[in-house]
């Protein structure tokens, strides 16, 4: 019977940690939706820079009434997942950590530190280097 209580307590702890993560992600979602227009403008900036020297006037348009709303919802969702994933990973680690040996915790620590840093560096690389080059390439390809 002790194993059943132990298993149940582990499931309760897991539920609690996942619920905390989802609450955090939902809060970030609401905040991201409030600032969705600013986030959108930030993400569109590489395109705006690539076409600013064009002789014609260029602007992004929405072709349906609900498209702006759906775009901002998607943007808030992806922003919340992007910003909330470190919290989710920390909660998962805190759930798993009591069952690990000290040497396993030491082996896992560099990955826990480097993963969010490398993820952020990859996002910055794409935003500041790859996207502008790709936009210019595809923009000049269509001419």
Protein backbone atom coordinates (compact mmCIF):
# COMPACT_ATOMS: atom_id res chain seq x y z
CA UNK A 1 0.00 0.00 0.00
CA UNK A 2 2.95 2.33 0.61
CA UNK A 3 3.91 2.08 -3.06
CA UNK A 4 0.44 3.22 -4.10
CA UNK A 5 0.62 6.29 -1.85
CA UNK A 6 4.11 7.07 -3.07
CA UNK A 7 2.99 6.76 -6.69
CA UNK A 8 -0.03 8.96 -6.04
CA UNK A 9 2.10 11.59 -4.32
CA UNK A 10 4.45 11.63 -7.33
CA UNK A 11 1.52 12.11 -9.68
CA UNK A 12 0.17 14.93 -7.50
CA UNK A 13 3.58 16.62 -7.50
CA UNK A 14 3.86 16.23 -11.29
CA UNK A 15 0.37 17.67 -11.75
CA UNK A 16 1.24 20.59 -9.48
CA UNK A 17 4.47 21.37 -11.37
CA UNK A 18 2.79 21.12 -14.78
CA UNK A 19 -0.10 23.27 -13.58
CA UNK A 20 2.32 25.93 -12.34
CA UNK A 21 4.04 25.88 -15.73
CA UNK A 22 0.75 26.17 -17.60
CA UNK A 23 -0.36 29.05 -15.39
CA UNK A 24 2.91 30.85 -16.10
CA UNK A 25 2.55 30.19 -19.84
CA UNK A 26 -1.04 31.47 -19.76
CA UNK A 27 0.03 34.67 -17.96
CA UNK A 28 2.77 35.20 -20.55
CA UNK A 29 0.15 34.53 -23.26
CA UNK A 30 -2.10 37.30 -21.93
CA UNK A 31 0.81 39.72 -21.64
CA UNK A 32 2.01 38.76 -25.13
CA UNK A 33 -1.46 39.35 -26.55
CA UNK A 34 -1.55 42.81 -24.98
CA UNK A 35 1.78 43.63 -26.66
CA UNK A 36 1.12 41.60 -29.83
CA UNK A 37 1.22 44.61 -32.14
CA UNK A 38 4.66 45.60 -30.85
CA UNK A 39 5.94 42.03 -31.14
CA UNK A 40 4.52 41.83 -34.65
CA UNK A 41 6.25 45.04 -35.67
CA UNK A 42 9.52 43.74 -34.22
CA UNK A 43 9.25 40.48 -36.17
CA UNK A 44 8.35 42.27 -39.42
CA UNK A 45 11.31 44.65 -39.13
CA UNK A 46 13.73 42.50 -41.23
CA UNK A 47 11.21 42.50 -44.09
CA UNK A 48 10.66 46.25 -43.75
CA UNK A 49 14.40 46.85 -43.89
CA UNK A 50 14.79 44.62 -46.95
CA UNK A 51 12.13 46.41 -49.01
CA UNK A 52 12.66 49.99 -47.82
CA UNK A 53 14.87 50.87 -50.81
CA UNK A 54 12.26 49.64 -53.27
CA UNK A 55 10.75 52.37 -55.44
CA UNK A 56 7.15 51.22 -54.89
CA UNK A 57 5.28 51.51 -51.63
CA UNK A 58 5.01 48.18 -49.88
CA UNK A 59 2.94 47.25 -46.87
CA UNK A 60 1.54 44.12 -45.32
CA UNK A 61 -2.20 43.63 -45.58
CA UNK A 62 -4.83 41.42 -44.03
CA UNK A 63 -7.29 39.84 -46.46
CA UNK A 64 -10.00 38.80 -44.00
CA UNK A 65 -11.75 40.52 -41.12
CA UNK A 66 -10.58 38.06 -38.49
CA UNK A 67 -7.04 37.69 -39.79
CA UNK A 68 -5.51 40.36 -37.53
CA UNK A 69 -7.06 38.77 -34.46
CA UNK A 70 -5.92 35.26 -35.44
CA UNK A 71 -2.42 36.51 -36.23
CA UNK A 72 -2.13 38.20 -32.83
CA UNK A 73 -3.46 35.08 -31.08
CA UNK A 74 -0.89 32.89 -32.86
CA UNK A 75 1.84 35.38 -32.10
CA UNK A 76 0.89 35.47 -28.41
CA UNK A 77 0.75 31.66 -28.31
CA UNK A 78 4.19 31.19 -29.85
CA UNK A 79 5.64 33.96 -27.67
CA UNK A 80 4.26 32.32 -24.55
CA UNK A 81 5.68 28.93 -25.53
CA UNK A 82 9.04 30.55 -26.38
CA UNK A 83 9.23 32.47 -23.10
CA UNK A 84 7.56 29.79 -20.96
CA UNK A 85 9.61 26.80 -22.06
CA UNK A 86 12.49 27.51 -19.63
CA UNK A 87 10.02 27.53 -16.73
CA UNK A 88 8.48 24.27 -17.95
CA UNK A 89 11.92 22.65 -18.26
CA UNK A 90 12.91 23.84 -14.78
CA UNK A 91 9.72 22.38 -13.33
CA UNK A 92 10.37 19.06 -15.06
CA UNK A 93 13.94 19.05 -13.75
CA UNK A 94 12.74 19.80 -10.21
CA UNK A 95 10.38 16.84 -10.48
CA UNK A 96 13.08 14.48 -11.76
CA UNK A 97 16.02 15.77 -9.65
CA UNK A 98 15.15 14.01 -6.34
CA UNK A 99 15.45 10.65 -8.11
CA UNK A 100 18.89 11.35 -9.58
CA UNK A 101 22.28 10.55 -8.10
CA UNK A 102 24.70 13.43 -7.47
CA UNK A 103 26.87 12.49 -10.45
CA UNK A 104 23.78 12.43 -12.69
CA UNK A 105 22.78 15.88 -11.47
CA UNK A 106 26.31 17.16 -12.18
CA UNK A 107 26.21 15.66 -15.67
CA UNK A 108 22.81 17.26 -16.37
CA UNK A 109 23.69 20.74 -15.08
CA UNK A 110 25.71 21.92 -18.14
CA UNK A 111 22.81 20.96 -20.40
CA UNK A 112 20.32 22.81 -18.23
CA UNK A 113 22.43 25.97 -18.41
CA UNK A 114 23.47 25.77 -22.05
CA UNK A 115 20.12 24.79 -23.59
CA UNK A 116 18.26 28.10 -23.04
CA UNK A 117 21.38 30.12 -23.87
CA UNK A 118 21.97 28.26 -27.14
CA UNK A 119 18.26 28.44 -27.97
CA UNK A 120 18.29 32.22 -27.52
CA UNK A 121 21.52 32.57 -29.52
CA UNK A 122 19.98 30.49 -32.32
CA UNK A 123 16.89 32.70 -32.36
CA UNK A 124 19.08 35.82 -32.50
CA UNK A 125 21.15 34.32 -35.32
CA UNK A 126 18.05 33.61 -37.36
CA UNK A 127 16.52 37.04 -36.70
CA UNK A 128 19.59 39.17 -37.34
CA UNK A 129 21.48 37.15 -39.98
CA UNK A 130 19.50 34.41 -41.71
CA UNK A 131 16.13 36.18 -42.11
CA UNK A 132 17.52 39.38 -43.67
CA UNK A 133 19.64 37.37 -46.10
CA UNK A 134 16.77 35.05 -47.00
CA UNK A 135 14.33 37.92 -47.46
CA UNK A 136 16.75 39.79 -49.74
CA UNK A 137 17.46 36.61 -51.72
CA UNK A 138 13.80 35.73 -52.27
CA UNK A 139 12.81 39.35 -52.85
CA UNK A 140 15.38 39.80 -55.63
CA UNK A 141 14.60 36.35 -57.04
CA UNK A 142 11.04 37.35 -57.96
CA UNK A 143 12.11 40.34 -60.05
